[in-house]
């Protein structure tokens, strides 16, 4: 009786052991939700180069630039929903701020990350900080000293537009560049 039991047990173990296959590697698709961990800061330069960080080679310097105006053409950089990648149409604004800070050694900038009204307060504070850090990292790549840039997140507490529509939400997803001293 014991022999049959041992044989049956050995047969079961052999069958189970033979049926085990190595785990398959599957490609997981990222989930589009507020809780998703966002990718590292990148500059969105289009569909083929979406995940490359900004470099000085990508933002080419033109021939000698005229003296800088006292006020930038735009003090905010805008972002897509739930993203912190710098948009291609804001590269000139980013380049202006980098040039201004490089040419004004005593100037400091505060980068204020803002979000639209969607999501929890905690999530929006985190996203605002990631947006501000994305701008900071890009400015550092363009030659600005890291210690001259302060980062803060305002989340959804200071909207540029208080309406509740797509245009207002687009205007609120931004980083404001504020100069602290000359």
N, C-alpha and C. Protein backbone atom coordinates (compact mmCIF):
# COMPACT_ATOMS: atom_id res chain seq x y z
N UNK A 1 0.82 -1.18 0.00
CA UNK A 1 0.00 0.00 0.00
C UNK A 1 0.86 1.25 0.00
N UNK A 2 1.93 1.25 0.85
CA UNK A 2 2.81 2.39 0.90
C UNK A 2 3.56 2.55 -0.41
N UNK A 3 3.89 1.44 -1.04
CA UNK A 3 4.61 1.51 -2.29
C UNK A 3 3.76 2.19 -3.35
N UNK A 4 2.47 1.84 -3.41
CA UNK A 4 1.56 2.48 -4.38
C UNK A 4 1.44 3.98 -4.10
N UNK A 5 1.37 4.32 -2.86
CA UNK A 5 1.24 5.73 -2.48
C UNK A 5 2.49 6.50 -2.91
N UNK A 6 3.69 5.91 -2.67
CA UNK A 6 4.93 6.56 -3.06
C UNK A 6 5.04 6.67 -4.58
N UNK A 7 4.61 5.63 -5.29
CA UNK A 7 4.64 5.68 -6.75
C UNK A 7 3.68 6.73 -7.29
N UNK A 8 2.50 6.79 -6.70
CA UNK A 8 1.52 7.79 -7.12
C UNK A 8 2.04 9.20 -6.84
N UNK A 9 2.63 9.38 -5.69
CA UNK A 9 3.20 10.68 -5.32
C UNK A 9 4.34 11.05 -6.27
N UNK A 10 5.21 10.09 -6.58
CA UNK A 10 6.33 10.33 -7.49
C UNK A 10 5.82 10.68 -8.88
N UNK A 11 4.75 10.00 -9.34
CA UNK A 11 4.16 10.27 -10.63
C UNK A 11 3.59 11.68 -10.67
N UNK A 12 2.89 12.08 -9.62
CA UNK A 12 2.31 13.43 -9.55
C UNK A 12 3.39 14.50 -9.57
N UNK A 13 4.45 14.29 -8.80
CA UNK A 13 5.54 15.26 -8.76
C UNK A 13 6.20 15.36 -10.13
N UNK A 14 6.40 14.21 -10.78
CA UNK A 14 7.02 14.19 -12.10
C UNK A 14 6.16 14.92 -13.11
N UNK A 15 4.86 14.67 -13.10
CA UNK A 15 3.96 15.35 -14.03
C UNK A 15 3.91 16.85 -13.77
N UNK A 16 3.84 17.20 -12.51
CA UNK A 16 3.80 18.64 -12.17
C UNK A 16 5.11 19.31 -12.54
N UNK A 17 6.22 18.65 -12.27
CA UNK A 17 7.52 19.22 -12.57
C UNK A 17 7.69 19.38 -14.08
N UNK A 18 7.21 18.47 -14.85
CA UNK A 18 7.32 18.53 -16.30
C UNK A 18 6.40 19.58 -16.91
N UNK A 19 5.33 19.93 -16.25
CA UNK A 19 4.38 20.90 -16.79
C UNK A 19 4.79 22.33 -16.49
N UNK A 20 5.74 22.51 -15.61
CA UNK A 20 6.16 23.87 -15.27
C UNK A 20 6.93 24.44 -16.44
N UNK A 21 6.54 25.58 -16.90
CA UNK A 21 7.25 26.25 -17.98
C UNK A 21 7.81 27.56 -17.45
N UNK A 22 8.86 28.07 -18.07
CA UNK A 22 9.44 29.33 -17.59
C UNK A 22 8.43 30.47 -17.77
N UNK A 23 8.47 31.45 -16.90
CA UNK A 23 7.51 32.55 -17.03
C UNK A 23 7.75 33.31 -18.32
N UNK A 24 6.68 33.71 -18.94
CA UNK A 24 6.77 34.46 -20.18
C UNK A 24 6.92 35.94 -19.86
N UNK A 25 7.76 36.57 -20.63
CA UNK A 25 7.94 38.01 -20.45
C UNK A 25 6.90 38.71 -21.32
N UNK A 26 6.08 39.51 -20.67
CA UNK A 26 5.05 40.24 -21.41
C UNK A 26 5.34 41.72 -21.30
N UNK A 27 5.02 42.42 -22.34
CA UNK A 27 5.20 43.86 -22.35
C UNK A 27 3.97 44.48 -21.70
N UNK A 28 4.20 45.17 -20.61
CA UNK A 28 3.10 45.81 -19.91
C UNK A 28 2.85 47.19 -20.49
N UNK A 29 1.62 47.49 -20.76
CA UNK A 29 1.26 48.82 -21.25
C UNK A 29 1.07 49.74 -20.05
N UNK A 30 1.59 50.96 -20.12
CA UNK A 30 1.40 51.86 -18.99
C UNK A 30 -0.07 52.23 -18.83
N UNK A 31 -0.48 52.33 -17.60
CA UNK A 31 -1.86 52.67 -17.29
C UNK A 31 -1.97 54.18 -17.23
N UNK A 32 -2.98 54.74 -17.87
CA UNK A 32 -3.17 56.18 -17.87
C UNK A 32 -4.07 56.55 -16.70
N UNK A 33 -3.48 56.74 -15.57
CA UNK A 33 -4.23 57.11 -14.38
C UNK A 33 -3.39 58.08 -13.57
N UNK A 34 -4.02 58.77 -12.66
CA UNK A 34 -3.31 59.74 -11.84
C UNK A 34 -2.25 59.08 -10.98
N UNK A 35 -2.43 57.84 -10.63
CA UNK A 35 -1.50 57.16 -9.74
C UNK A 35 -0.29 56.61 -10.48
N UNK A 36 -0.26 56.70 -11.81
CA UNK A 36 0.84 56.17 -12.60
C UNK A 36 2.11 56.94 -12.28
N UNK A 37 3.22 56.22 -12.14
CA UNK A 37 4.50 56.88 -11.94
C UNK A 37 4.92 57.44 -13.28
N UNK A 38 5.20 58.73 -13.30
CA UNK A 38 5.50 59.41 -14.54
C UNK A 38 6.96 59.19 -14.92
N UNK A 39 7.30 59.29 -16.22
CA UNK A 39 8.67 59.09 -16.67
C UNK A 39 9.57 60.24 -16.21
N UNK A 40 10.90 60.09 -16.34
CA UNK A 40 11.79 61.17 -15.93
C UNK A 40 11.58 62.40 -16.79
N UNK A 41 11.99 63.56 -16.32
CA UNK A 41 11.77 64.79 -17.08
C UNK A 41 12.42 64.69 -18.46
N UNK A 42 11.65 65.00 -19.47
CA UNK A 42 12.13 64.99 -20.84
C UNK A 42 11.57 66.18 -21.56
N UNK A 43 12.18 66.49 -22.66
CA UNK A 43 11.66 67.53 -23.52
C UNK A 43 10.96 66.85 -24.67
N UNK A 44 9.71 67.19 -24.90
CA UNK A 44 8.94 66.58 -25.96
C UNK A 44 9.29 67.27 -27.26
N UNK A 45 10.11 66.62 -28.08
CA UNK A 45 10.55 67.19 -29.34
C UNK A 45 9.86 66.55 -30.54
N UNK A 46 8.77 65.89 -30.31
CA UNK A 46 8.04 65.28 -31.41
C UNK A 46 7.93 63.78 -31.23
N UNK A 47 7.20 63.11 -32.14
CA UNK A 47 6.94 61.70 -31.97
C UNK A 47 8.18 60.81 -32.04
N UNK A 48 9.21 61.15 -32.82
CA UNK A 48 10.35 60.26 -32.95
C UNK A 48 11.37 60.45 -31.83
N UNK A 49 11.35 61.60 -31.15
CA UNK A 49 12.35 61.87 -30.13
C UNK A 49 11.70 62.20 -28.79
N UNK A 50 10.59 61.61 -28.50
CA UNK A 50 9.77 61.97 -27.36
C UNK A 50 10.47 61.79 -26.01
N UNK A 51 11.40 60.85 -25.89
CA UNK A 51 11.96 60.59 -24.57
C UNK A 51 13.40 61.07 -24.42
N UNK A 52 13.90 61.91 -25.33
CA UNK A 52 15.27 62.40 -25.18
C UNK A 52 15.28 63.67 -24.35
N UNK A 53 16.21 63.76 -23.38
CA UNK A 53 16.32 65.00 -22.62
C UNK A 53 16.87 66.11 -23.49
N UNK A 54 16.59 67.34 -23.13
CA UNK A 54 17.08 68.48 -23.90
C UNK A 54 18.58 68.57 -23.74
N UNK A 55 19.26 68.96 -24.81
CA UNK A 55 20.70 69.17 -24.75
C UNK A 55 21.02 70.45 -25.49
N UNK A 56 22.21 70.95 -25.28
CA UNK A 56 22.58 72.18 -25.96
C UNK A 56 22.66 71.98 -27.46
N UNK A 57 22.89 70.76 -27.90
CA UNK A 57 22.93 70.50 -29.34
C UNK A 57 21.54 70.60 -29.96
N UNK A 58 20.50 70.26 -29.19
CA UNK A 58 19.15 70.31 -29.71
C UNK A 58 18.63 71.74 -29.79
N UNK A 59 19.07 72.59 -28.88
CA UNK A 59 18.65 73.99 -28.90
C UNK A 59 19.85 74.77 -29.41
N UNK A 60 19.95 74.88 -30.72
CA UNK A 60 21.12 75.48 -31.34
C UNK A 60 21.09 77.00 -31.15
N UNK A 61 22.24 77.53 -30.88
CA UNK A 61 22.38 78.97 -30.74
C UNK A 61 22.50 79.56 -32.15
N UNK A 62 21.77 80.64 -32.39
CA UNK A 62 21.88 81.32 -33.67
C UNK A 62 23.10 82.22 -33.64
N UNK A 63 23.27 82.97 -34.71
CA UNK A 63 24.34 83.96 -34.79
C UNK A 63 24.18 84.91 -33.62
N UNK A 64 25.11 85.79 -33.39
CA UNK A 64 25.05 86.66 -32.22
C UNK A 64 23.64 87.22 -32.01
N UNK A 65 23.17 87.08 -30.80
CA UNK A 65 21.82 87.52 -30.49
C UNK A 65 21.85 88.98 -30.05
N UNK A 66 20.78 89.70 -30.37
CA UNK A 66 20.72 91.10 -29.94
C UNK A 66 20.61 91.16 -28.42
N UNK A 67 20.87 92.32 -27.82
CA UNK A 67 20.75 92.43 -26.36
C UNK A 67 19.38 91.97 -25.90
N UNK A 68 19.37 91.33 -24.75
CA UNK A 68 18.12 90.78 -24.23
C UNK A 68 17.19 91.89 -23.75
N UNK A 69 15.91 91.70 -24.02
CA UNK A 69 14.93 92.62 -23.50
C UNK A 69 14.82 92.42 -21.99
N UNK A 70 14.32 93.41 -21.29
CA UNK A 70 14.19 93.29 -19.85
C UNK A 70 13.12 92.29 -19.45
N UNK A 71 12.12 92.13 -20.27
CA UNK A 71 11.07 91.18 -19.96
C UNK A 71 11.04 90.10 -21.02
N UNK A 72 10.86 88.88 -20.61
CA UNK A 72 10.82 87.78 -21.59
C UNK A 72 9.54 87.85 -22.42
N UNK A 73 9.57 87.24 -23.60
CA UNK A 73 8.37 87.22 -24.43
C UNK A 73 7.23 86.46 -23.75
N UNK A 74 7.57 85.55 -22.87
CA UNK A 74 6.56 84.73 -22.18
C UNK A 74 7.21 84.23 -20.90
N UNK A 75 6.49 84.30 -19.78
CA UNK A 75 7.07 83.88 -18.51
C UNK A 75 6.62 82.48 -18.10
N UNK A 76 5.74 81.87 -18.88
CA UNK A 76 5.23 80.54 -18.53
C UNK A 76 5.54 79.54 -19.62
N UNK A 77 5.78 78.30 -19.19
CA UNK A 77 5.93 77.18 -20.11
C UNK A 77 4.75 76.25 -19.85
N UNK A 78 4.12 75.76 -20.89
CA UNK A 78 2.87 75.00 -20.76
C UNK A 78 3.09 73.51 -20.98
N UNK A 79 2.16 72.71 -20.44
CA UNK A 79 2.29 71.25 -20.45
C UNK A 79 0.98 70.61 -20.86
N UNK A 80 1.08 69.39 -21.34
CA UNK A 80 -0.10 68.59 -21.67
C UNK A 80 -0.68 68.01 -20.38
N UNK A 81 -1.89 67.52 -20.47
CA UNK A 81 -2.58 66.92 -19.33
C UNK A 81 -1.77 65.77 -18.75
N UNK A 82 -1.55 65.79 -17.44
CA UNK A 82 -0.90 64.71 -16.71
C UNK A 82 0.54 64.45 -17.18
N UNK A 83 1.21 65.47 -17.73
CA UNK A 83 2.56 65.33 -18.26
C UNK A 83 3.47 66.39 -17.69
N UNK A 84 4.78 66.15 -17.76
CA UNK A 84 5.74 67.18 -17.40
C UNK A 84 6.86 67.27 -18.41
N UNK A 85 6.57 66.91 -19.65
CA UNK A 85 7.52 67.06 -20.76
C UNK A 85 7.37 68.45 -21.34
N UNK A 86 8.49 69.11 -21.58
CA UNK A 86 8.46 70.45 -22.16
C UNK A 86 8.05 70.33 -23.62
N UNK A 87 7.11 71.17 -24.03
CA UNK A 87 6.59 71.11 -25.40
C UNK A 87 7.54 71.82 -26.36
N UNK A 88 7.59 71.36 -27.62
CA UNK A 88 8.50 71.95 -28.60
C UNK A 88 8.30 73.45 -28.81
N UNK A 89 7.05 73.91 -28.75
CA UNK A 89 6.81 75.33 -28.98
C UNK A 89 7.27 76.21 -27.82
N UNK A 90 7.69 75.61 -26.70
CA UNK A 90 8.21 76.38 -25.57
C UNK A 90 9.74 76.35 -25.50
N UNK A 91 10.39 75.72 -26.47
CA UNK A 91 11.86 75.66 -26.45
C UNK A 91 12.49 77.05 -26.59
N UNK A 92 11.87 77.93 -27.39
CA UNK A 92 12.40 79.28 -27.53
C UNK A 92 12.28 80.05 -26.21
N UNK A 93 11.18 79.85 -25.51
CA UNK A 93 10.99 80.50 -24.21
C UNK A 93 12.04 79.98 -23.23
N UNK A 94 12.24 78.69 -23.22
CA UNK A 94 13.24 78.08 -22.35
C UNK A 94 14.63 78.62 -22.68
N UNK A 95 14.94 78.72 -23.96
CA UNK A 95 16.24 79.23 -24.40
C UNK A 95 16.42 80.69 -23.97
N UNK A 96 15.36 81.48 -24.06
CA UNK A 96 15.43 82.88 -23.63
C UNK A 96 15.78 82.97 -22.15
N UNK A 97 15.08 82.21 -21.32
CA UNK A 97 15.32 82.26 -19.88
C UNK A 97 16.74 81.79 -19.55
N UNK A 98 17.21 80.77 -20.25
CA UNK A 98 18.58 80.30 -20.02
C UNK A 98 19.58 81.38 -20.38
N UNK A 99 19.40 82.02 -21.52
CA UNK A 99 20.31 83.09 -21.95
C UNK A 99 20.26 84.27 -20.99
N UNK A 100 19.08 84.63 -20.55
CA UNK A 100 18.94 85.74 -19.61
C UNK A 100 19.66 85.44 -18.30
N UNK A 101 19.47 84.24 -17.77
CA UNK A 101 20.11 83.88 -16.51
C UNK A 101 21.64 83.77 -16.67
N UNK A 102 22.11 83.29 -17.80
CA UNK A 102 23.56 83.21 -18.02
C UNK A 102 24.17 84.59 -18.13
N UNK A 103 23.43 85.55 -18.72
CA UNK A 103 23.98 86.90 -18.92
C UNK A 103 23.77 87.80 -17.71
N UNK A 104 22.98 87.38 -16.73
CA UNK A 104 22.74 88.17 -15.52
C UNK A 104 23.19 87.34 -14.32
N UNK A 105 24.47 87.42 -13.96
CA UNK A 105 25.00 86.53 -12.95
C UNK A 105 24.37 86.66 -11.56
N UNK A 106 23.78 87.81 -11.25
CA UNK A 106 23.18 87.95 -9.92
C UNK A 106 21.69 87.58 -9.89
N UNK A 107 21.11 87.33 -11.05
CA UNK A 107 19.68 87.00 -11.10
C UNK A 107 19.44 85.57 -10.65
N UNK A 108 18.34 85.38 -9.96
CA UNK A 108 17.88 84.05 -9.54
C UNK A 108 16.46 83.89 -10.06
N UNK A 109 16.04 82.65 -10.24
CA UNK A 109 14.67 82.42 -10.72
C UNK A 109 13.97 81.41 -9.82
N UNK A 110 12.69 81.66 -9.61
CA UNK A 110 11.84 80.69 -8.90
C UNK A 110 10.93 80.08 -9.96
N UNK A 111 10.93 78.76 -10.03
CA UNK A 111 10.11 78.02 -10.99
C UNK A 111 8.91 77.48 -10.24
N UNK A 112 7.73 78.00 -10.56
CA UNK A 112 6.50 77.63 -9.86
C UNK A 112 5.67 76.68 -10.71
N UNK A 113 5.59 75.43 -10.29
CA UNK A 113 4.82 74.42 -11.01
C UNK A 113 3.34 74.52 -10.67
N UNK A 114 2.49 74.53 -11.69
CA UNK A 114 1.04 74.64 -11.53
C UNK A 114 0.34 73.52 -12.29
N UNK A 115 -0.88 73.20 -11.87
CA UNK A 115 -1.66 72.16 -12.53
C UNK A 115 -3.09 72.64 -12.76
N UNK A 116 -3.85 71.86 -13.51
CA UNK A 116 -5.27 72.16 -13.65
C UNK A 116 -6.00 71.60 -12.42
N UNK A 117 -7.29 71.66 -12.42
CA UNK A 117 -8.07 71.32 -11.23
C UNK A 117 -8.33 69.83 -11.05
N UNK A 118 -7.87 68.99 -11.96
CA UNK A 118 -8.13 67.56 -11.87
C UNK A 118 -7.13 66.87 -10.95
N UNK A 119 -7.57 65.90 -10.20
CA UNK A 119 -6.68 65.14 -9.34
C UNK A 119 -6.70 65.66 -7.91
N UNK A 120 -6.11 64.86 -7.03
CA UNK A 120 -6.08 65.23 -5.61
C UNK A 120 -5.05 66.33 -5.38
N UNK A 121 -5.15 66.97 -4.23
CA UNK A 121 -4.19 68.02 -3.89
C UNK A 121 -2.76 67.47 -3.87
N UNK A 122 -2.60 66.28 -3.27
CA UNK A 122 -1.27 65.69 -3.16
C UNK A 122 -0.70 65.38 -4.54
N UNK A 123 -1.52 64.81 -5.41
CA UNK A 123 -1.05 64.46 -6.74
C UNK A 123 -0.65 65.72 -7.49
N UNK A 124 -1.48 66.76 -7.42
CA UNK A 124 -1.19 67.99 -8.15
C UNK A 124 0.05 68.70 -7.61
N UNK A 125 0.29 68.64 -6.31
CA UNK A 125 1.53 69.22 -5.77
C UNK A 125 2.74 68.46 -6.30
N UNK A 126 2.63 67.15 -6.37
CA UNK A 126 3.73 66.33 -6.89
C UNK A 126 3.95 66.60 -8.38
N UNK A 127 2.88 66.68 -9.16
CA UNK A 127 3.00 66.93 -10.60
C UNK A 127 3.56 68.32 -10.84
N UNK A 128 3.11 69.32 -10.07
CA UNK A 128 3.64 70.67 -10.21
C UNK A 128 5.14 70.71 -9.95
N UNK A 129 5.58 69.97 -8.95
CA UNK A 129 7.01 69.92 -8.63
C UNK A 129 7.79 69.23 -9.74
N UNK A 130 7.23 68.16 -10.32
CA UNK A 130 7.90 67.47 -11.43
C UNK A 130 8.01 68.39 -12.64
N UNK A 131 6.98 69.19 -12.89
CA UNK A 131 7.02 70.13 -14.01
C UNK A 131 8.11 71.18 -13.78
N UNK A 132 8.16 71.73 -12.57
CA UNK A 132 9.16 72.74 -12.25
C UNK A 132 10.57 72.14 -12.32
N UNK A 133 10.74 70.93 -11.83
CA UNK A 133 12.05 70.26 -11.90
C UNK A 133 12.45 69.96 -13.34
N UNK A 134 11.47 69.66 -14.19
CA UNK A 134 11.75 69.42 -15.61
C UNK A 134 12.32 70.68 -16.25
N UNK A 135 11.72 71.83 -15.94
CA UNK A 135 12.22 73.10 -16.47
C UNK A 135 13.60 73.39 -15.88
N UNK A 136 13.77 73.15 -14.59
CA UNK A 136 15.07 73.38 -13.94
C UNK A 136 16.16 72.54 -14.59
N UNK A 137 15.91 71.25 -14.77
CA UNK A 137 16.90 70.36 -15.38
C UNK A 137 17.26 70.82 -16.80
N UNK A 138 16.27 71.28 -17.54
CA UNK A 138 16.54 71.75 -18.90
C UNK A 138 17.36 73.04 -18.88
N UNK A 139 17.06 73.95 -17.96
CA UNK A 139 17.85 75.18 -17.85
C UNK A 139 19.29 74.88 -17.44
N UNK A 140 19.47 73.92 -16.54
CA UNK A 140 20.82 73.53 -16.13
C UNK A 140 21.57 72.94 -17.33
N UNK A 141 20.89 72.14 -18.13
CA UNK A 141 21.50 71.57 -19.33
C UNK A 141 21.92 72.67 -20.30
N UNK A 142 21.18 73.78 -20.30
CA UNK A 142 21.50 74.90 -21.18
C UNK A 142 22.51 75.87 -20.56
N UNK A 143 23.10 75.50 -19.42
CA UNK A 143 24.20 76.29 -18.88
C UNK A 143 23.91 77.15 -17.68
N UNK A 144 22.72 77.08 -17.12
CA UNK A 144 22.38 77.87 -15.93
C UNK A 144 22.83 77.09 -14.70
N UNK A 145 23.39 77.81 -13.73
CA UNK A 145 23.84 77.16 -12.50
C UNK A 145 22.63 76.70 -11.69
N UNK A 146 22.68 75.46 -11.24
CA UNK A 146 21.57 74.83 -10.52
C UNK A 146 21.18 75.61 -9.26
N UNK A 147 22.16 76.16 -8.56
CA UNK A 147 21.85 76.84 -7.30
C UNK A 147 21.18 78.20 -7.48
N UNK A 148 21.03 78.66 -8.70
CA UNK A 148 20.32 79.91 -8.98
C UNK A 148 18.85 79.68 -9.32
N UNK A 149 18.42 78.44 -9.25
CA UNK A 149 17.04 78.09 -9.60
C UNK A 149 16.35 77.47 -8.39
N UNK A 150 15.26 78.07 -7.97
CA UNK A 150 14.45 77.53 -6.87
C UNK A 150 13.20 76.91 -7.45
N UNK A 151 12.81 75.78 -6.90
CA UNK A 151 11.63 75.07 -7.39
C UNK A 151 10.56 75.05 -6.31
N UNK A 152 9.34 75.35 -6.70
CA UNK A 152 8.21 75.22 -5.79
C UNK A 152 7.00 74.73 -6.57
N UNK A 153 6.10 74.08 -5.88
CA UNK A 153 4.88 73.59 -6.52
C UNK A 153 3.68 74.26 -5.86
N UNK A 154 2.83 74.81 -6.68
CA UNK A 154 1.60 75.42 -6.18
C UNK A 154 0.39 74.53 -6.44
N UNK A 155 0.61 73.43 -7.18
CA UNK A 155 -0.50 72.53 -7.48
C UNK A 155 -1.61 73.27 -8.21
N UNK A 156 -2.82 73.11 -7.70
CA UNK A 156 -3.97 73.78 -8.35
C UNK A 156 -4.43 75.00 -7.57
N UNK A 157 -3.59 75.51 -6.66
CA UNK A 157 -4.01 76.60 -5.78
C UNK A 157 -3.97 77.98 -6.42
N UNK A 158 -3.23 78.17 -7.51
CA UNK A 158 -3.13 79.49 -8.12
C UNK A 158 -3.38 79.40 -9.63
N UNK A 159 -4.64 79.21 -10.03
CA UNK A 159 -4.93 79.08 -11.47
C UNK A 159 -4.76 80.41 -12.20
N UNK A 160 -4.28 80.34 -13.43
CA UNK A 160 -4.18 81.52 -14.27
C UNK A 160 -5.56 81.89 -14.82
N UNK A 161 -6.41 80.88 -14.99
CA UNK A 161 -7.75 81.09 -15.52
C UNK A 161 -8.70 80.27 -14.66
N UNK A 162 -9.69 80.91 -14.06
CA UNK A 162 -10.58 80.22 -13.12
C UNK A 162 -11.81 79.59 -13.78
N UNK A 163 -11.93 79.71 -15.09
CA UNK A 163 -13.06 79.07 -15.78
C UNK A 163 -12.92 77.55 -15.71
N UNK A 164 -13.97 76.87 -16.06
CA UNK A 164 -13.97 75.40 -16.03
C UNK A 164 -14.19 74.86 -17.44
N UNK A 165 -13.20 75.08 -18.30
CA UNK A 165 -13.27 74.59 -19.68
C UNK A 165 -11.87 74.21 -20.15
N UNK A 166 -11.79 73.63 -21.34
CA UNK A 166 -10.50 73.11 -21.84
C UNK A 166 -9.44 74.19 -21.96
N UNK A 167 -9.82 75.36 -22.43
CA UNK A 167 -8.84 76.44 -22.58
C UNK A 167 -8.29 76.88 -21.22
N UNK A 168 -9.15 76.98 -20.24
CA UNK A 168 -8.70 77.36 -18.89
C UNK A 168 -7.77 76.29 -18.32
N UNK A 169 -8.14 75.04 -18.47
CA UNK A 169 -7.32 73.96 -17.95
C UNK A 169 -5.94 73.95 -18.63
N UNK A 170 -5.93 74.22 -19.95
CA UNK A 170 -4.67 74.28 -20.69
C UNK A 170 -3.78 75.40 -20.14
N UNK A 171 -4.37 76.55 -19.85
CA UNK A 171 -3.61 77.69 -19.33
C UNK A 171 -3.09 77.44 -17.92
N UNK A 172 -3.73 76.58 -17.18
CA UNK A 172 -3.34 76.32 -15.79
C UNK A 172 -2.24 75.26 -15.68
N UNK A 173 -2.02 74.48 -16.71
CA UNK A 173 -0.95 73.47 -16.69
C UNK A 173 0.34 74.14 -17.15
N UNK A 174 1.09 74.71 -16.19
CA UNK A 174 2.21 75.56 -16.56
C UNK A 174 3.27 75.59 -15.46
N UNK A 175 4.43 76.12 -15.84
CA UNK A 175 5.47 76.52 -14.90
C UNK A 175 5.72 78.00 -15.14
N UNK A 176 5.57 78.81 -14.09
CA UNK A 176 5.85 80.24 -14.18
C UNK A 176 7.29 80.47 -13.75
N UNK A 177 8.00 81.27 -14.54
CA UNK A 177 9.37 81.64 -14.22
C UNK A 177 9.34 83.05 -13.63
N UNK A 178 9.74 83.17 -12.37
CA UNK A 178 9.72 84.46 -11.68
C UNK A 178 11.15 84.79 -11.27
N UNK A 179 11.60 85.98 -11.64
CA UNK A 179 12.97 86.40 -11.30
C UNK A 179 12.96 87.05 -9.92
N UNK A 180 13.94 86.64 -9.09
CA UNK A 180 13.97 87.05 -7.69
C UNK A 180 14.90 88.24 -7.43
N UNK A 181 15.93 88.43 -8.18
CA UNK A 181 16.85 89.53 -7.93
C UNK A 181 17.73 89.80 -9.11
N UNK A 182 18.20 90.98 -9.16
CA UNK A 182 19.08 91.38 -10.27
C UNK A 182 20.46 91.64 -9.73
